Amino acid sequence: MTFEKKTILVTGASSGIGKAIGEKLAQIDCNLILTARQNEKIENWVSQLNNKNARVLILKNDVTDKQNVAEAFAKIGETFGNIDVAILNSGIGKSVSPQNFSSLVAEEIINTNFLGVIYWIEQLLPQMLKNEKGVIAPVSSLADNRGYSGSGFYCASKAALSIFTEGLAIDLAKFGIKVITIKPGFVKTPMTDQNKFKMPFMISAEKAADKIINGIKNENNIVQFPFPTVLGAKFIGMFPNWLYRLISK
């Protein structure tokens, strides 16, 4: 597929992967919707672009607020009409130990990483089903394969998202709607800057954006990267539970 003349939504576009995707798509002749809770950050980087060809709509949007998502979707409809490609990128991650265990953190992570995608898909589906076309590309993670120490809430949210989109892809294929699950490894972003552990094979947000855009263009079912981390995740996922717990201590 091509992005030219399409209407494209990117959530979580204030920084990191979402910002990098937005910067690249802004060079294309398309309708581009960029959303985030901190929309002023989007306005700042968009204003500094020298080669913007896209018609850009910037919206403040909290993906954890179902009503706010519905309102944002309505504004998009008033401005551009139908959405052709939705890159649902909003996500957060926080390290949690037994000493600072909190259901509030769990709610924040799960509501953003999983339910935030659900709320947007709920808005997108009636339109896409009617038109019998569209692309939905939620951003999950290679961390969906195991429960990593200190990242249980994050891993659980991404595992839920990956499993959900796997089933959704099957359900929507018969209606001409493509679901593409995006699974990055470690990408240098403000979120990963907070991590205290080693992050092998880390890539830049710009390189991640290239892989995501190319994967959507090629209509891949899953876009996962970088290759060494993909292999490592598959290998670790094959460990029996007793061995995984032993080496994780």
C-alpha atoms as a PDB file:
ATOM      1  CA  MET A   1       0.000   0.000   0.000  1.00  0.00           C
ATOM      2  CA  THR A   2       0.986   3.643  -0.262  1.00  0.00           C
ATOM      3  CA  PHE A   3       0.524   6.478   2.221  1.00  0.00           C
ATOM      4  CA  GLU A   4       0.052   9.157  -0.437  1.00  0.00           C
ATOM      5  CA  LYS A   5      -3.406  10.778  -0.362  1.00  0.00           C
ATOM      6  CA  LYS A   6      -4.339   8.696   2.684  1.00  0.00           C
ATOM      7  CA  THR A   7      -5.664   9.904   6.042  1.00  0.00           C
ATOM      8  CA  ILE A   8      -3.357   8.578   8.747  1.00  0.00           C
ATOM      9  CA  LEU A   9      -3.735   8.662  12.534  1.00  0.00           C
ATOM     10  CA  VAL A  10      -0.737   8.419  14.879  1.00  0.00           C
ATOM     11  CA  THR A  11      -1.451   8.378  18.612  1.00  0.00           C
ATOM     12  CA  GLY A  12       1.236   9.120  21.177  1.00  0.00           C
ATOM     13  CA  ALA A  13       3.014  11.433  18.745  1.00  0.00           C
ATOM     14  CA  SER A  14       4.570  13.879  21.217  1.00  0.00           C
ATOM     15  CA  SER A  15       7.869  11.990  21.547  1.00  0.00           C
ATOM     16  CA  GLY A  16       9.713   8.746  20.874  1.00  0.00           C
ATOM     17  CA  ILE A  17       8.500   6.391  18.162  1.00  0.00           C
ATOM     18  CA  GLY A  18       5.263   8.294  17.549  1.00  0.00           C
ATOM     19  CA  LYS A  19       7.126  11.555  16.961  1.00  0.00           C
ATOM     20  CA  ALA A  20       9.599   9.843  14.609  1.00  0.00           C
ATOM     21  CA  ILE A  21       6.752   8.280  12.617  1.00  0.00           C
ATOM     22  CA  GLY A  22       4.968  11.629  12.457  1.00  0.00           C
ATOM     23  CA  GLU A  23       8.076  13.443  11.233  1.00  0.00           C
ATOM     24  CA  LYS A  24       8.514  10.980   8.374  1.00  0.00           C
ATOM     25  CA  LEU A  25       4.846  10.889   7.369  1.00  0.00           C
ATOM     26  CA  ALA A  26       4.710  14.696   7.425  1.00  0.00           C
ATOM     27  CA  GLN A  27       6.975  14.624   4.346  1.00  0.00           C
ATOM     28  CA  ILE A  28       4.289  12.746   2.380  1.00  0.00           C
ATOM     29  CA  ASP A  29       1.242  14.180   0.619  1.00  0.00           C
ATOM     30  CA  CYS A  30      -1.352  12.896   3.076  1.00  0.00           C
ATOM     31  CA  ASN A  31      -3.774  13.936   5.801  1.00  0.00           C
ATOM     32  CA  LEU A  32      -1.939  13.369   9.080  1.00  0.00           C
ATOM     33  CA  ILE A  33      -3.565  13.356  12.509  1.00  0.00           C
ATOM     34  CA  LEU A  34      -1.170  13.517  15.460  1.00  0.00           C
ATOM     35  CA  THR A  35      -2.459  13.062  19.009  1.00  0.00           C
ATOM     36  CA  ALA A  36      -1.058  13.008  22.529  1.00  0.00           C
ATOM     37  CA  ARG A  37      -1.920  14.164  26.010  1.00  0.00           C
ATOM     38  CA  GLN A  38       0.816  16.798  25.658  1.00  0.00           C
ATOM     39  CA  ASN A  39      -0.245  18.151  22.277  1.00  0.00           C
ATOM     40  CA  GLU A  40       1.847  21.293  22.749  1.00  0.00           C
ATOM     41  CA  LYS A  41       4.945  19.110  22.287  1.00  0.00           C
ATOM     42  CA  ILE A  42       3.597  18.002  18.905  1.00  0.00           C
ATOM     43  CA  GLU A  43       2.890  21.615  17.940  1.00  0.00           C
ATOM     44  CA  ASN A  44       6.478  22.472  18.824  1.00  0.00           C
ATOM     45  CA  TRP A  45       8.179  19.845  16.642  1.00  0.00           C
ATOM     46  CA  VAL A  46       5.722  20.215  13.767  1.00  0.00           C
ATOM     47  CA  SER A  47       6.417  23.960  13.664  1.00  0.00           C
ATOM     48  CA  GLN A  48      10.129  23.215  13.171  1.00  0.00           C
ATOM     49  CA  LEU A  49       9.680  20.944  10.140  1.00  0.00           C
ATOM     50  CA  ASN A  50      11.217  22.314   6.961  1.00  0.00           C
ATOM     51  CA  ASN A  51       9.787  19.865   4.436  1.00  0.00           C
ATOM     52  CA  LYS A  52       6.191  19.335   5.535  1.00  0.00           C
ATOM     53  CA  ASN A  53       3.918  18.169   2.702  1.00  0.00           C
ATOM     54  CA  ALA A  54       1.129  16.680   4.799  1.00  0.00           C
ATOM     55  CA  ARG A  55      -1.973  18.484   5.977  1.00  0.00           C
ATOM     56  CA  VAL A  56      -1.596  18.099   9.748  1.00  0.00           C
ATOM     57  CA  LEU A  57      -4.262  18.048  12.437  1.00  0.00           C
ATOM     58  CA  ILE A  58      -2.967  18.069  16.031  1.00  0.00           C
ATOM     59  CA  LEU A  59      -5.322  16.940  18.770  1.00  0.00           C
ATOM     60  CA  LYS A  60      -5.022  16.651  22.512  1.00  0.00           C
ATOM     61  CA  ASN A  61      -6.128  13.150  23.388  1.00  0.00           C
ATOM     62  CA  ASP A  62      -6.013  10.944  26.467  1.00  0.00           C
ATOM     63  CA  VAL A  63      -6.430   7.390  25.173  1.00  0.00           C
ATOM     64  CA  THR A  64      -7.503   6.196  28.637  1.00  0.00           C
ATOM     65  CA  ASP A  65     -10.616   8.401  28.441  1.00  0.00           C
ATOM     66  CA  LYS A  66     -13.226   6.698  26.246  1.00  0.00           C
ATOM     67  CA  GLN A  67     -15.285   9.872  25.831  1.00  0.00           C
ATOM     68  CA  ASN A  68     -12.211  11.896  24.910  1.00  0.00           C
ATOM     69  CA  VAL A  69     -11.310   9.330  22.239  1.00  0.00           C
ATOM     70  CA  ALA A  70     -14.821   9.574  20.801  1.00  0.00           C
ATOM     71  CA  GLU A  71     -14.576  13.373  20.730  1.00  0.00           C
ATOM     72  CA  ALA A  72     -11.181  13.243  18.986  1.00  0.00           C
ATOM     73  CA  PHE A  73     -12.552  10.812  16.407  1.00  0.00           C
ATOM     74  CA  ALA A  74     -15.479  13.133  15.718  1.00  0.00           C
ATOM     75  CA  LYS A  75     -13.107  16.083  15.135  1.00  0.00           C
ATOM     76  CA  ILE A  76     -11.103  13.984  12.679  1.00  0.00           C
ATOM     77  CA  GLY A  77     -14.291  13.136  10.803  1.00  0.00           C
ATOM     78  CA  GLU A  78     -15.253  16.806  10.587  1.00  0.00           C
ATOM     79  CA  THR A  79     -11.814  17.732   9.212  1.00  0.00           C
ATOM     80  CA  PHE A  80     -10.731  14.821   7.021  1.00  0.00           C
ATOM     81  CA  GLY A  81     -13.536  12.274   6.941  1.00  0.00           C
ATOM     82  CA  ASN A  82     -12.532   8.609   6.979  1.00  0.00           C
ATOM     83  CA  ILE A  83      -9.311   7.327   8.532  1.00  0.00           C
ATOM     84  CA  ASP A  84      -7.386   4.957   6.239  1.00  0.00           C
ATOM     85  CA  VAL A  85      -4.488   3.980   8.522  1.00  0.00           C
ATOM     86  CA  ALA A  86      -4.463   4.077  12.333  1.00  0.00           C
ATOM     87  CA  ILE A  87      -1.066   3.656  14.017  1.00  0.00           C
ATOM     88  CA  LEU A  88      -2.071   3.215  17.661  1.00  0.00           C
ATOM     89  CA  ASN A  89       1.219   3.951  19.344  1.00  0.00           C
ATOM     90  CA  SER A  90       0.366   5.476  22.739  1.00  0.00           C
ATOM     91  CA  GLY A  91       2.114   3.574  25.503  1.00  0.00           C
ATOM     92  CA  ILE A  92       3.806   3.884  28.869  1.00  0.00           C
ATOM     93  CA  GLY A  93       6.007   1.702  31.025  1.00  0.00           C
ATOM     94  CA  LYS A  94       7.016   1.884  34.671  1.00  0.00           C
ATOM     95  CA  SER A  95       9.199  -0.358  36.773  1.00  0.00           C
ATOM     96  CA  VAL A  96       7.389  -1.873  39.747  1.00  0.00           C
ATOM     97  CA  SER A  97       8.982  -3.763  42.626  1.00  0.00           C
ATOM     98  CA  PRO A  98       7.296  -5.592  45.523  1.00  0.00           C
ATOM     99  CA  GLN A  99       8.153  -2.593  47.701  1.00  0.00           C
ATOM    100  CA  ASN A 100       6.305  -0.073  45.505  1.00  0.00           C
ATOM    101  CA  PHE A 101       3.574  -2.379  44.189  1.00  0.00           C
ATOM    102  CA  SER A 102       0.494  -0.351  43.278  1.00  0.00           C
ATOM    103  CA  SER A 103      -2.776  -1.126  41.551  1.00  0.00           C
ATOM    104  CA  LEU A 104      -2.866   2.522  40.452  1.00  0.00           C
ATOM    105  CA  VAL A 105       0.249   1.946  38.354  1.00  0.00           C
ATOM    106  CA  ALA A 106      -1.318  -1.217  36.942  1.00  0.00           C
ATOM    107  CA  GLU A 107      -4.445   0.697  35.962  1.00  0.00           C
ATOM    108  CA  GLU A 108      -2.417   3.471  34.317  1.00  0.00           C
ATOM    109  CA  ILE A 109      -0.317   1.050  32.251  1.00  0.00           C
ATOM    110  CA  ILE A 110      -3.123  -1.307  31.254  1.00  0.00           C
ATOM    111  CA  ASN A 111      -5.553   1.521  30.504  1.00  0.00           C
ATOM    112  CA  THR A 112      -2.993   3.213  28.254  1.00  0.00           C
ATOM    113  CA  ASN A 113      -1.328   0.254  26.551  1.00  0.00           C
ATOM    114  CA  PHE A 114      -4.356  -1.996  26.117  1.00  0.00           C
ATOM    115  CA  LEU A 115      -7.689  -0.277  26.715  1.00  0.00           C
ATOM    116  CA  GLY A 116      -6.471   2.872  24.952  1.00  0.00           C
ATOM    117  CA  VAL A 117      -6.131   0.789  21.781  1.00  0.00           C
ATOM    118  CA  ILE A 118      -9.557  -0.778  22.341  1.00  0.00           C
ATOM    119  CA  TYR A 119     -11.195   2.635  22.695  1.00  0.00           C
ATOM    120  CA  TRP A 120      -9.757   3.805  19.378  1.00  0.00           C
ATOM    121  CA  ILE A 121     -10.655   0.593  17.559  1.00  0.00           C
ATOM    122  CA  GLU A 122     -14.208   0.924  18.858  1.00  0.00           C
ATOM    123  CA  GLN A 123     -14.436   4.243  17.021  1.00  0.00           C
ATOM    124  CA  LEU A 124     -12.639   3.077  13.886  1.00  0.00           C
ATOM    125  CA  LEU A 125     -14.474  -0.170  13.208  1.00  0.00           C
ATOM    126  CA  PRO A 126     -17.957   1.027  12.160  1.00  0.00           C
ATOM    127  CA  GLN A 127     -16.417   3.284   9.512  1.00  0.00           C
ATOM    128  CA  MET A 128     -13.923   0.702   8.260  1.00  0.00           C
ATOM    129  CA  LEU A 129     -16.518  -2.071   8.186  1.00  0.00           C
ATOM    130  CA  LYS A 130     -18.827   0.131   6.138  1.00  0.00           C
ATOM    131  CA  ASN A 131     -16.051   0.962   3.671  1.00  0.00           C
ATOM    132  CA  GLU A 132     -14.623  -2.583   3.729  1.00  0.00           C
ATOM    133  CA  LYS A 133     -11.087  -1.260   3.969  1.00  0.00           C
ATOM    134  CA  GLY A 134      -8.574   0.209   6.389  1.00  0.00           C
ATOM    135  CA  VAL A 135      -5.404  -0.579   8.312  1.00  0.00           C
ATOM    136  CA  ILE A 136      -5.165  -0.809  12.096  1.00  0.00           C
ATOM    137  CA  ALA A 137      -1.597  -1.001  13.439  1.00  0.00           C
ATOM    138  CA  PRO A 138      -1.339  -1.222  17.242  1.00  0.00           C
ATOM    139  CA  VAL A 139       2.140  -0.974  18.774  1.00  0.00           C
ATOM    140  CA  SER A 140       2.794  -3.864  21.139  1.00  0.00           C
ATOM    141  CA  SER A 141       6.279  -5.054  22.182  1.00  0.00           C
ATOM    142  CA  LEU A 142       8.671  -8.003  22.054  1.00  0.00           C
ATOM    143  CA  ALA A 143       8.255  -7.962  25.846  1.00  0.00           C
ATOM    144  CA  ASP A 144       4.897  -9.686  25.311  1.00  0.00           C
ATOM    145  CA  ASN A 145       6.541 -13.122  25.498  1.00  0.00           C
ATOM    146  CA  ARG A 146       7.385 -13.441  29.239  1.00  0.00           C
ATOM    147  CA  GLY A 147       6.924 -11.766  32.593  1.00  0.00           C
ATOM    148  CA  TYR A 148      10.165  -9.825  33.001  1.00  0.00           C
ATOM    149  CA  SER A 149      11.260  -8.827  36.485  1.00  0.00           C
ATOM    150  CA  GLY A 150      10.061  -5.366  37.457  1.00  0.00           C
ATOM    151  CA  SER A 151       8.001  -5.049  34.269  1.00  0.00           C
ATOM    152  CA  GLY A 152       5.084  -7.341  35.017  1.00  0.00           C
ATOM    153  CA  PHE A 153       2.367  -4.742  34.404  1.00  0.00           C
ATOM    154  CA  TYR A 154       3.991  -3.606  31.152  1.00  0.00           C
ATOM    155  CA  CYS A 155       4.527  -7.162  29.874  1.00  0.00           C
ATOM    156  CA  ALA A 156       0.967  -8.134  30.793  1.00  0.00           C
ATOM    157  CA  SER A 157      -0.474  -5.121  28.955  1.00  0.00           C
ATOM    158  CA  LYS A 158       1.534  -5.885  25.812  1.00  0.00           C
ATOM    159  CA  ALA A 159       0.760  -9.614  25.962  1.00  0.00           C
ATOM    160  CA  ALA A 160      -2.944  -8.771  26.163  1.00  0.00           C
ATOM    161  CA  LEU A 161      -2.594  -6.426  23.198  1.00  0.00           C
ATOM    162  CA  SER A 162      -0.712  -8.950  21.053  1.00  0.00           C
ATOM    163  CA  ILE A 163      -3.192 -11.754  21.759  1.00  0.00           C
ATOM    164  CA  PHE A 164      -6.155  -9.462  21.146  1.00  0.00           C
ATOM    165  CA  THR A 165      -4.826  -8.158  17.822  1.00  0.00           C
ATOM    166  CA  GLU A 166      -3.997 -11.686  16.679  1.00  0.00           C
ATOM    167  CA  GLY A 167      -7.648 -12.649  16.992  1.00  0.00           C
ATOM    168  CA  LEU A 168      -8.874  -9.332  15.629  1.00  0.00           C
ATOM    169  CA  ALA A 169      -6.746  -9.753  12.493  1.00  0.00           C
ATOM    170  CA  ILE A 170      -8.528 -13.024  11.734  1.00  0.00           C
ATOM    171  CA  ASP A 171     -11.965 -11.547  12.421  1.00  0.00           C
ATOM    172  CA  LEU A 172     -11.440  -8.482  10.219  1.00  0.00           C
ATOM    173  CA  ALA A 173      -9.640 -10.058   7.263  1.00  0.00           C
ATOM    174  CA  LYS A 174     -12.935 -11.145   5.695  1.00  0.00           C
ATOM    175  CA  PHE A 175     -14.075  -7.509   5.733  1.00  0.00           C
ATOM    176  CA  GLY A 176     -11.017  -6.180   3.897  1.00  0.00           C
ATOM    177  CA  ILE A 177      -9.501  -4.618   7.024  1.00  0.00           C
ATOM    178  CA  LYS A 178      -5.820  -5.280   7.748  1.00  0.00           C
ATOM    179  CA  VAL A 179      -4.542  -5.548  11.332  1.00  0.00           C
ATOM    180  CA  ILE A 180      -0.769  -5.239  11.704  1.00  0.00           C
ATOM    181  CA  THR A 181       0.810  -5.903  15.093  1.00  0.00           C
ATOM    182  CA  ILE A 182       3.986  -3.905  15.688  1.00  0.00           C
ATOM    183  CA  LYS A 183       6.513  -5.358  18.132  1.00  0.00           C
ATOM    184  CA  PRO A 184       9.605  -3.241  18.766  1.00  0.00           C
ATOM    185  CA  GLY A 185      12.509  -4.305  20.892  1.00  0.00           C
ATOM    186  CA  PHE A 186      14.508  -1.665  22.755  1.00  0.00           C
ATOM    187  CA  VAL A 187      14.154   1.748  21.128  1.00  0.00           C
ATOM    188  CA  LYS A 188      15.810   4.883  22.498  1.00  0.00           C
ATOM    189  CA  THR A 189      12.930   7.028  23.724  1.00  0.00           C
ATOM    190  CA  PRO A 190      12.122   9.055  26.852  1.00  0.00           C
ATOM    191  CA  MET A 191      10.423   5.912  28.198  1.00  0.00           C
ATOM    192  CA  THR A 192      13.449   3.624  27.819  1.00  0.00           C
ATOM    193  CA  ASP A 193      15.714   6.406  29.154  1.00  0.00           C
ATOM    194  CA  GLN A 194      14.157   5.679  32.553  1.00  0.00           C
ATOM    195  CA  ASN A 195      15.198   2.010  32.541  1.00  0.00           C
ATOM    196  CA  LYS A 196      17.988   1.025  34.915  1.00  0.00           C
ATOM    197  CA  PHE A 197      18.791  -2.314  33.242  1.00  0.00           C
ATOM    198  CA  LYS A 198      20.874  -3.128  30.177  1.00  0.00           C
ATOM    199  CA  MET A 199      19.035  -2.888  26.856  1.00  0.00           C
ATOM    200  CA  PRO A 200      20.909  -4.803  24.152  1.00  0.00           C
ATOM    201  CA  PHE A 201      20.580  -4.035  20.434  1.00  0.00           C
ATOM    202  CA  MET A 202      18.871  -0.710  21.101  1.00  0.00           C
ATOM    203  CA  ILE A 203      17.985   1.276  17.975  1.00  0.00           C
ATOM    204  CA  SER A 204      16.993   4.881  17.411  1.00  0.00           C
ATOM    205  CA  ALA A 205      13.374   6.017  17.220  1.00  0.00           C
ATOM    206  CA  GLU A 206      14.033   7.125  13.629  1.00  0.00           C
ATOM    207  CA  LYS A 207      15.177   3.649  12.606  1.00  0.00           C
ATOM    208  CA  ALA A 208      12.173   2.117  14.380  1.00  0.00           C
ATOM    209  CA  ALA A 209       9.874   4.494  12.497  1.00  0.00           C
ATOM    210  CA  ASP A 210      11.398   3.417   9.165  1.00  0.00           C
ATOM    211  CA  LYS A 211      10.787  -0.244   9.976  1.00  0.00           C
ATOM    212  CA  ILE A 212       7.205   0.420  11.059  1.00  0.00           C
ATOM    213  CA  ILE A 213       6.363   2.517   8.001  1.00  0.00           C
ATOM    214  CA  ASN A 214       7.925  -0.022   5.632  1.00  0.00           C
ATOM    215  CA  GLY A 215       6.168  -2.899   7.403  1.00  0.00           C
ATOM    216  CA  ILE A 216       2.796  -1.196   6.998  1.00  0.00           C
ATOM    217  CA  LYS A 217       3.536  -0.374   3.362  1.00  0.00           C
ATOM    218  CA  ASN A 218       4.327  -4.059   2.765  1.00  0.00           C
ATOM    219  CA  GLU A 219       1.160  -5.058   4.667  1.00  0.00           C
ATOM    220  CA  ASN A 220       3.048  -7.466   6.915  1.00  0.00           C
ATOM    221  CA  ASN A 221       0.988  -9.255   9.552  1.00  0.00           C
ATOM    222  CA  ILE A 222       3.615  -8.561  12.221  1.00  0.00           C
ATOM    223  CA  VAL A 223       6.365  -5.941  12.187  1.00  0.00           C
ATOM    224  CA  GLN A 224       9.034  -6.922  14.729  1.00  0.00           C
ATOM    225  CA  PHE A 225      12.570  -5.651  15.161  1.00  0.00           C
ATOM    226  CA  PRO A 226      15.524  -5.519  15.576  1.00  0.00           C
ATOM    227  CA  PHE A 227      16.358  -9.001  14.316  1.00  0.00           C
ATOM    228  CA  PRO A 228      18.752 -10.038  17.161  1.00  0.00           C
ATOM    229  CA  THR A 229      16.129  -9.101  19.763  1.00  0.00           C
ATOM    230  CA  VAL A 230      13.422 -10.954  17.843  1.00  0.00           C
ATOM    231  CA  LEU A 231      15.572 -14.094  17.915  1.00  0.00           C
ATOM    232  CA  GLY A 232      16.396 -13.587  21.592  1.00  0.00           C
ATOM    233  CA  ALA A 233      12.736 -13.138  22.513  1.00  0.00           C
ATOM    234  CA  LYS A 234      11.760 -16.301  20.643  1.00  0.00           C
ATOM    235  CA  PHE A 235      14.576 -18.228  22.343  1.00  0.00           C
ATOM    236  CA  ILE A 236      13.663 -16.990  25.838  1.00  0.00           C
ATOM    237  CA  GLY A 237      10.004 -17.710  25.140  1.00  0.00           C
ATOM    238  CA  MET A 238      10.872 -21.370  24.577  1.00  0.00           C
ATOM    239  CA  PHE A 239      12.470 -21.797  28.016  1.00  0.00           C
ATOM    240  CA  PRO A 240      10.513 -24.005  30.435  1.00  0.00           C
ATOM    241  CA  ASN A 241       9.215 -22.036  33.400  1.00  0.00           C
ATOM    242  CA  TRP A 242      11.655 -23.569  35.886  1.00  0.00           C
ATOM    243  CA  LEU A 243      14.640 -22.607  33.738  1.00  0.00           C
ATOM    244  CA  TYR A 244      13.370 -19.111  33.057  1.00  0.00           C
ATOM    245  CA  ARG A 245      12.868 -18.494  36.787  1.00  0.00           C
ATOM    246  CA  LEU A 246      16.282 -19.920  37.573  1.00  0.00           C
ATOM    247  CA  ILE A 247      18.194 -17.663  35.183  1.00  0.00           C
ATOM    248  CA  SER A 248      16.074 -14.623  36.086  1.00  0.00           C
ATOM    249  CA  LYS A 249      17.020 -14.633  39.775  1.00  0.00           C
END
